[in-house]
Amino acid sequence: MSKNVHVVHSQGEWKVRREGSMRASKVFETKKEAIGYGCRLGKNERLELYIHNKDGRISDRRSYGKDPFPTRG
């Protein structure tokens, strides 16, 4: 089962990391680059993407998985 993906700031770098993993999947210089990679990963693997601020708080959440509540119409 796939894990959710997080974009986090650590030691002056932006990292894309799966939940429960100690190591980053990929490291970037900018938040924008990390979000772009995280979005592609989320779309390809149908995951949830959590984007954190430098202070660690979640600033945005994007869902690329199966929505349990499909839209009507």
PDB file of N, CA and C in Angstrom:
ATOM      1  N   MET A   1       0.838  -1.179   0.000  1.00  0.00           N
ATOM      2  CA  MET A   1       0.000   0.000   0.000  1.00  0.00           C
ATOM      3  C   MET A   1       0.886   1.246   0.000  1.00  0.00           C
ATOM      4  N   SER A   2       0.552   2.199  -0.836  1.00  0.00           N
ATOM      5  CA  SER A   2       1.337   3.422  -0.943  1.00  0.00           C
ATOM      6  C   SER A   2       1.079   4.331   0.246  1.00  0.00           C
ATOM      7  N   LYS A   3       2.088   5.101   0.588  1.00  0.00           N
ATOM      8  CA  LYS A   3       1.994   6.047   1.693  1.00  0.00           C
ATOM      9  C   LYS A   3       1.786   7.448   1.148  1.00  0.00           C
ATOM     10  N   ASN A   4       1.261   8.327   1.971  1.00  0.00           N
ATOM     11  CA  ASN A   4       1.110   9.716   1.589  1.00  0.00           C
ATOM     12  C   ASN A   4       2.480  10.360   1.441  1.00  0.00           C
ATOM     13  N   VAL A   5       2.527  11.494   0.747  1.00  0.00           N
ATOM     14  CA  VAL A   5       3.776  12.178   0.460  1.00  0.00           C
ATOM     15  C   VAL A   5       3.749  13.557   1.112  1.00  0.00           C
ATOM     16  N   HIS A   6       4.889  13.975   1.669  1.00  0.00           N
ATOM     17  CA  HIS A   6       5.003  15.267   2.332  1.00  0.00           C
ATOM     18  C   HIS A   6       6.142  16.068   1.725  1.00  0.00           C
ATOM     19  N   VAL A   7       5.895  17.384   1.547  1.00  0.00           N
ATOM     20  CA  VAL A   7       6.943  18.324   1.162  1.00  0.00           C
ATOM     21  C   VAL A   7       7.317  19.055   2.449  1.00  0.00           C
ATOM     22  N   VAL A   8       8.560  18.901   2.890  1.00  0.00           N
ATOM     23  CA  VAL A   8       9.002  19.471   4.167  1.00  0.00           C
ATOM     24  C   VAL A   8      10.306  20.248   3.996  1.00  0.00           C
ATOM     25  N   HIS A   9      10.531  21.189   4.906  1.00  0.00           N
ATOM     26  CA  HIS A   9      11.769  21.968   4.919  1.00  0.00           C
ATOM     27  C   HIS A   9      12.652  21.426   6.038  1.00  0.00           C
ATOM     28  N   SER A  10      13.903  21.152   5.703  1.00  0.00           N
ATOM     29  CA  SER A  10      14.829  20.619   6.696  1.00  0.00           C
ATOM     30  C   SER A  10      16.256  20.969   6.300  1.00  0.00           C
ATOM     31  N   GLN A  11      16.991  21.539   7.238  1.00  0.00           N
ATOM     32  CA  GLN A  11      18.410  21.853   7.053  1.00  0.00           C
ATOM     33  C   GLN A  11      18.641  22.714   5.802  1.00  0.00           C
ATOM     34  N   GLY A  12      17.765  23.694   5.573  1.00  0.00           N
ATOM     35  CA  GLY A  12      17.923  24.611   4.457  1.00  0.00           C
ATOM     36  C   GLY A  12      17.525  24.067   3.101  1.00  0.00           C
ATOM     37  N   GLU A  13      16.916  22.893   3.072  1.00  0.00           N
ATOM     38  CA  GLU A  13      16.504  22.273   1.806  1.00  0.00           C
ATOM     39  C   GLU A  13      15.038  21.874   1.889  1.00  0.00           C
ATOM     40  N   TRP A  14      14.409  21.747   0.720  1.00  0.00           N
ATOM     41  CA  TRP A  14      13.044  21.244   0.634  1.00  0.00           C
ATOM     42  C   TRP A  14      13.104  19.786   0.208  1.00  0.00           C
ATOM     43  N   LYS A  15      12.418  18.938   0.955  1.00  0.00           N
ATOM     44  CA  LYS A  15      12.488  17.498   0.711  1.00  0.00           C
ATOM     45  C   LYS A  15      11.099  16.928   0.459  1.00  0.00           C
ATOM     46  N   VAL A  16      11.049  15.950  -0.416  1.00  0.00           N
ATOM     47  CA  VAL A  16       9.814  15.198  -0.666  1.00  0.00           C
ATOM     48  C   VAL A  16      10.026  13.835  -0.026  1.00  0.00           C
ATOM     49  N   ARG A  17       9.135  13.506   0.917  1.00  0.00           N
ATOM     50  CA  ARG A  17       9.327  12.286   1.695  1.00  0.00           C
ATOM     51  C   ARG A  17       7.997  11.570   1.881  1.00  0.00           C
ATOM     52  N   ARG A  18       8.027  10.251   1.784  1.00  0.00           N
ATOM     53  CA  ARG A  18       6.842   9.432   2.046  1.00  0.00           C
ATOM     54  C   ARG A  18       6.660   9.273   3.556  1.00  0.00           C
ATOM     55  N   GLU A  19       5.417   9.132   3.974  1.00  0.00           N
ATOM     56  CA  GLU A  19       5.141   8.900   5.392  1.00  0.00           C
ATOM     57  C   GLU A  19       5.866   7.656   5.871  1.00  0.00           C
ATOM     58  N   GLY A  20       6.457   7.745   7.046  1.00  0.00           N
ATOM     59  CA  GLY A  20       7.127   6.612   7.643  1.00  0.00           C
ATOM     60  C   GLY A  20       8.549   6.402   7.172  1.00  0.00           C
ATOM     61  N   SER A  21       8.980   7.152   6.177  1.00  0.00           N
ATOM     62  CA  SER A  21      10.330   7.003   5.650  1.00  0.00           C
ATOM     63  C   SER A  21      11.287   7.949   6.369  1.00  0.00           C
ATOM     64  N   MET A  22      12.480   7.475   6.635  1.00  0.00           N
ATOM     65  CA  MET A  22      13.495   8.304   7.279  1.00  0.00           C
ATOM     66  C   MET A  22      14.248   9.154   6.261  1.00  0.00           C
ATOM     67  N   ARG A  23      14.321   8.686   5.029  1.00  0.00           N
ATOM     68  CA  ARG A  23      15.066   9.385   3.982  1.00  0.00           C
ATOM     69  C   ARG A  23      14.110  10.043   2.991  1.00  0.00           C
ATOM     70  N   ALA A  24      14.567  11.131   2.423  1.00  0.00           N
ATOM     71  CA  ALA A  24      13.777  11.839   1.423  1.00  0.00           C
ATOM     72  C   ALA A  24      13.843  11.106   0.089  1.00  0.00           C
ATOM     73  N   SER A  25      12.735  11.164  -0.659  1.00  0.00           N
ATOM     74  CA  SER A  25      12.727  10.605  -2.007  1.00  0.00           C
ATOM     75  C   SER A  25      13.593  11.456  -2.918  1.00  0.00           C
ATOM     76  N   LYS A  26      13.521  12.782  -2.715  1.00  0.00           N
ATOM     77  CA  LYS A  26      14.291  13.709  -3.522  1.00  0.00           C
ATOM     78  C   LYS A  26      14.441  15.020  -2.756  1.00  0.00           C
ATOM     79  N   VAL A  27      15.540  15.751  -3.004  1.00  0.00           N
ATOM     80  CA  VAL A  27      15.843  17.006  -2.308  1.00  0.00           C
ATOM     81  C   VAL A  27      15.932  18.132  -3.331  1.00  0.00           C
ATOM     82  N   PHE A  28      15.397  19.319  -2.966  1.00  0.00           N
ATOM     83  CA  PHE A  28      15.360  20.460  -3.872  1.00  0.00           C
ATOM     84  C   PHE A  28      15.825  21.721  -3.161  1.00  0.00           C
ATOM     85  N   GLU A  29      16.236  22.707  -3.949  1.00  0.00           N
ATOM     86  CA  GLU A  29      16.639  23.996  -3.397  1.00  0.00           C
ATOM     87  C   GLU A  29      15.434  24.875  -3.099  1.00  0.00           C
ATOM     88  N   THR A  30      14.359  24.743  -3.886  1.00  0.00           N
ATOM     89  CA  THR A  30      13.181  25.594  -3.691  1.00  0.00           C
ATOM     90  C   THR A  30      11.940  24.771  -3.379  1.00  0.00           C
ATOM     91  N   LYS A  31      11.020  25.425  -2.695  1.00  0.00           N
ATOM     92  CA  LYS A  31       9.743  24.792  -2.354  1.00  0.00           C
ATOM     93  C   LYS A  31       8.943  24.506  -3.621  1.00  0.00           C
ATOM     94  N   LYS A  32       8.996  25.422  -4.589  1.00  0.00           N
ATOM     95  CA  LYS A  32       8.248  25.273  -5.834  1.00  0.00           C
ATOM     96  C   LYS A  32       8.662  24.004  -6.583  1.00  0.00           C
ATOM     97  N   GLU A  33       9.967  23.739  -6.643  1.00  0.00           N
ATOM     98  CA  GLU A  33      10.456  22.524  -7.311  1.00  0.00           C
ATOM     99  C   GLU A  33       9.981  21.276  -6.574  1.00  0.00           C
ATOM    100  N   ALA A  34      10.034  21.316  -5.247  1.00  0.00           N
ATOM    101  CA  ALA A  34       9.611  20.168  -4.439  1.00  0.00           C
ATOM    102  C   ALA A  34       8.118  19.890  -4.617  1.00  0.00           C
ATOM    103  N   ILE A  35       7.315  20.951  -4.666  1.00  0.00           N
ATOM    104  CA  ILE A  35       5.876  20.780  -4.859  1.00  0.00           C
ATOM    105  C   ILE A  35       5.593  20.186  -6.236  1.00  0.00           C
ATOM    106  N   GLY A  36       6.303  20.658  -7.255  1.00  0.00           N
ATOM    107  CA  GLY A  36       6.121  20.123  -8.606  1.00  0.00           C
ATOM    108  C   GLY A  36       6.400  18.629  -8.660  1.00  0.00           C
ATOM    109  N   TYR A  37       7.490  18.207  -8.028  1.00  0.00           N
ATOM    110  CA  TYR A  37       7.825  16.783  -7.999  1.00  0.00           C
ATOM    111  C   TYR A  37       6.784  16.009  -7.184  1.00  0.00           C
ATOM    112  N   GLY A  38       6.382  16.570  -6.042  1.00  0.00           N
ATOM    113  CA  GLY A  38       5.377  15.913  -5.201  1.00  0.00           C
ATOM    114  C   GLY A  38       4.046  15.745  -5.914  1.00  0.00           C
ATOM    115  N   CYS A  39       3.652  16.749  -6.697  1.00  0.00           N
ATOM    116  CA  CYS A  39       2.400  16.659  -7.474  1.00  0.00           C
ATOM    117  C   CYS A  39       2.476  15.549  -8.509  1.00  0.00           C
ATOM    118  N   ARG A  40       3.593  15.483  -9.214  1.00  0.00           N
ATOM    119  CA  ARG A  40       3.757  14.417 -10.217  1.00  0.00           C
ATOM    120  C   ARG A  40       3.716  13.043  -9.563  1.00  0.00           C
ATOM    121  N   LEU A  41       4.391  12.908  -8.427  1.00  0.00           N
ATOM    122  CA  LEU A  41       4.401  11.641  -7.696  1.00  0.00           C
ATOM    123  C   LEU A  41       2.987  11.289  -7.225  1.00  0.00           C
ATOM    124  N   GLY A  42       2.274  12.278  -6.700  1.00  0.00           N
ATOM    125  CA  GLY A  42       0.905  12.055  -6.239  1.00  0.00           C
ATOM    126  C   GLY A  42      -0.023  11.627  -7.354  1.00  0.00           C
ATOM    127  N   LYS A  43       0.085  12.282  -8.508  1.00  0.00           N
ATOM    128  CA  LYS A  43      -0.767  11.935  -9.646  1.00  0.00           C
ATOM    129  C   LYS A  43      -0.456  10.543 -10.176  1.00  0.00           C
ATOM    130  N   ASN A  44       0.826  10.225 -10.305  1.00  0.00           N
ATOM    131  CA  ASN A  44       1.224   8.925 -10.845  1.00  0.00           C
ATOM    132  C   ASN A  44       0.833   7.773  -9.936  1.00  0.00           C
ATOM    133  N   GLU A  45       0.916   7.987  -8.630  1.00  0.00           N
ATOM    134  CA  GLU A  45       0.665   6.896  -7.687  1.00  0.00           C
ATOM    135  C   GLU A  45      -0.643   7.057  -6.917  1.00  0.00           C
ATOM    136  N   ARG A  46      -1.439   8.074  -7.283  1.00  0.00           N
ATOM    137  CA  ARG A  46      -2.743   8.318  -6.659  1.00  0.00           C
ATOM    138  C   ARG A  46      -2.633   8.434  -5.141  1.00  0.00           C
ATOM    139  N   LEU A  47      -1.852   9.416  -4.688  1.00  0.00           N
ATOM    140  CA  LEU A  47      -1.574   9.626  -3.273  1.00  0.00           C
ATOM    141  C   LEU A  47      -2.085  10.972  -2.802  1.00  0.00           C
ATOM    142  N   GLU A  48      -2.024  11.191  -1.497  1.00  0.00           N
ATOM    143  CA  GLU A  48      -2.298  12.485  -0.889  1.00  0.00           C
ATOM    144  C   GLU A  48      -0.960  13.215  -0.746  1.00  0.00           C
ATOM    145  N   LEU A  49      -0.943  14.514  -1.080  1.00  0.00           N
ATOM    146  CA  LEU A  49       0.255  15.331  -0.947  1.00  0.00           C
ATOM    147  C   LEU A  49       0.008  16.371   0.131  1.00  0.00           C
ATOM    148  N   TYR A  50       0.896  16.421   1.124  1.00  0.00           N
ATOM    149  CA  TYR A  50       0.826  17.408   2.194  1.00  0.00           C
ATOM    150  C   TYR A  50       2.007  18.354   2.031  1.00  0.00           C
ATOM    151  N   ILE A  51       1.718  19.657   1.964  1.00  0.00           N
ATOM    152  CA  ILE A  51       2.759  20.661   1.780  1.00  0.00           C
ATOM    153  C   ILE A  51       2.904  21.425   3.093  1.00  0.00           C
ATOM    154  N   HIS A  52       4.119  21.435   3.643  1.00  0.00           N
ATOM    155  CA  HIS A  52       4.391  22.059   4.927  1.00  0.00           C
ATOM    156  C   HIS A  52       5.109  23.395   4.738  1.00  0.00           C
ATOM    157  N   ASN A  53       4.917  24.319   5.694  1.00  0.00           N
ATOM    158  CA  ASN A  53       5.692  25.550   5.745  1.00  0.00           C
ATOM    159  C   ASN A  53       7.034  25.259   6.400  1.00  0.00           C
ATOM    160  N   LYS A  54       7.894  26.267   6.471  1.00  0.00           N
ATOM    161  CA  LYS A  54       9.191  26.089   7.125  1.00  0.00           C
ATOM    162  C   LYS A  54       9.048  25.723   8.600  1.00  0.00           C
ATOM    163  N   ASP A  55       7.962  26.185   9.239  1.00  0.00           N
ATOM    164  CA  ASP A  55       7.758  25.885  10.658  1.00  0.00           C
ATOM    165  C   ASP A  55       7.170  24.501  10.901  1.00  0.00           C
ATOM    166  N   GLY A  56       6.879  23.764   9.835  1.00  0.00           N
ATOM    167  CA  GLY A  56       6.375  22.401   9.965  1.00  0.00           C
ATOM    168  C   GLY A  56       4.871  22.258   9.863  1.00  0.00           C
ATOM    169  N   ARG A  57       4.152  23.375   9.907  1.00  0.00           N
ATOM    170  CA  ARG A  57       2.692  23.306   9.795  1.00  0.00           C
ATOM    171  C   ARG A  57       2.280  22.998   8.369  1.00  0.00           C
ATOM    172  N   ILE A  58       1.196  22.248   8.234  1.00  0.00           N
ATOM    173  CA  ILE A  58       0.670  21.931   6.899  1.00  0.00           C
ATOM    174  C   ILE A  58      -0.017  23.174   6.341  1.00  0.00           C
ATOM    175  N   SER A  59       0.450  23.615   5.176  1.00  0.00           N
ATOM    176  CA  SER A  59      -0.130  24.806   4.550  1.00  0.00           C
ATOM    177  C   SER A  59      -1.115  24.451   3.447  1.00  0.00           C
ATOM    178  N   ASP A  60      -0.979  23.268   2.870  1.00  0.00           N
ATOM    179  CA  ASP A  60      -1.850  22.871   1.769  1.00  0.00           C
ATOM    180  C   ASP A  60      -1.886  21.353   1.695  1.00  0.00           C
ATOM    181  N   ARG A  61      -2.985  20.850   1.169  1.00  0.00           N
ATOM    182  CA  ARG A  61      -3.145  19.402   1.009  1.00  0.00           C
ATOM    183  C   ARG A  61      -3.806  19.166  -0.335  1.00  0.00           C
ATOM    184  N   ARG A  62      -3.241  18.247  -1.099  1.00  0.00           N
ATOM    185  CA  ARG A  62      -3.785  17.938  -2.419  1.00  0.00           C
ATOM    186  C   ARG A  62      -4.031  16.438  -2.520  1.00  0.00           C
ATOM    187  N   SER A  63      -5.208  16.093  -3.008  1.00  0.00           N
ATOM    188  CA  SER A  63      -5.593  14.696  -3.100  1.00  0.00           C
ATOM    189  C   SER A  63      -5.551  14.235  -4.550  1.00  0.00           C
ATOM    190  N   TYR A  64      -4.818  13.166  -4.785  1.00  0.00           N
ATOM    191  CA  TYR A  64      -4.756  12.571  -6.110  1.00  0.00           C
ATOM    192  C   TYR A  64      -5.241  11.128  -6.078  1.00  0.00           C
ATOM    193  N   GLY A  65      -5.813  10.714  -4.951  1.00  0.00           N
ATOM    194  CA  GLY A  65      -6.294   9.349  -4.812  1.00  0.00           C
ATOM    195  C   GLY A  65      -7.748   9.228  -5.196  1.00  0.00           C
ATOM    196  N   LYS A  66      -8.311   8.082  -4.904  1.00  0.00           N
ATOM    197  CA  LYS A  66      -9.724   7.854  -5.172  1.00  0.00           C
ATOM    198  C   LYS A  66     -10.544   8.623  -4.151  1.00  0.00           C
ATOM    199  N   ASP A  67     -11.453   9.438  -4.626  1.00  0.00           N
ATOM    200  CA  ASP A  67     -12.304  10.225  -3.749  1.00  0.00           C
ATOM    201  C   ASP A  67     -13.465   9.361  -3.276  1.00  0.00           C
ATOM    202  N   PRO A  68     -13.635   9.181  -1.955  1.00  0.00           N
ATOM    203  CA  PRO A  68     -14.727   8.342  -1.465  1.00  0.00           C
ATOM    204  C   PRO A  68     -16.100   8.991  -1.669  1.00  0.00           C
ATOM    205  N   PHE A  69     -16.116  10.294  -1.970  1.00  0.00           N
ATOM    206  CA  PHE A  69     -17.373  10.992  -2.181  1.00  0.00           C
ATOM    207  C   PHE A  69     -17.365  11.610  -3.570  1.00  0.00           C
ATOM    208  N   PRO A  70     -17.755  10.847  -4.595  1.00  0.00           N
ATOM    209  CA  PRO A  70     -17.731  11.387  -5.961  1.00  0.00           C
ATOM    210  C   PRO A  70     -18.699  12.564  -6.106  1.00  0.00           C
ATOM    211  N   THR A  71     -18.336  13.487  -6.998  1.00  0.00           N
ATOM    212  CA  THR A  71     -19.192  14.643  -7.222  1.00  0.00           C
ATOM    213  C   THR A  71     -20.443  14.236  -7.985  1.00  0.00           C
ATOM    214  N   ARG A  72     -21.495  14.977  -7.767  1.00  0.00           N
ATOM    215  CA  ARG A  72     -22.769  14.693  -8.452  1.00  0.00           C
ATOM    216  C   ARG A  72     -22.865  15.526  -9.722  1.00  0.00           C
ATOM    217  N   GLY A  73     -23.542  14.973 -10.704  1.00  0.00           N
ATOM    218  CA  GLY A  73     -23.833  15.732 -11.924  1.00  0.00           C
ATOM    219  C   GLY A  73     -22.793  15.597 -12.885  1.00  0.00           C
TER     220      GLY A  73
END
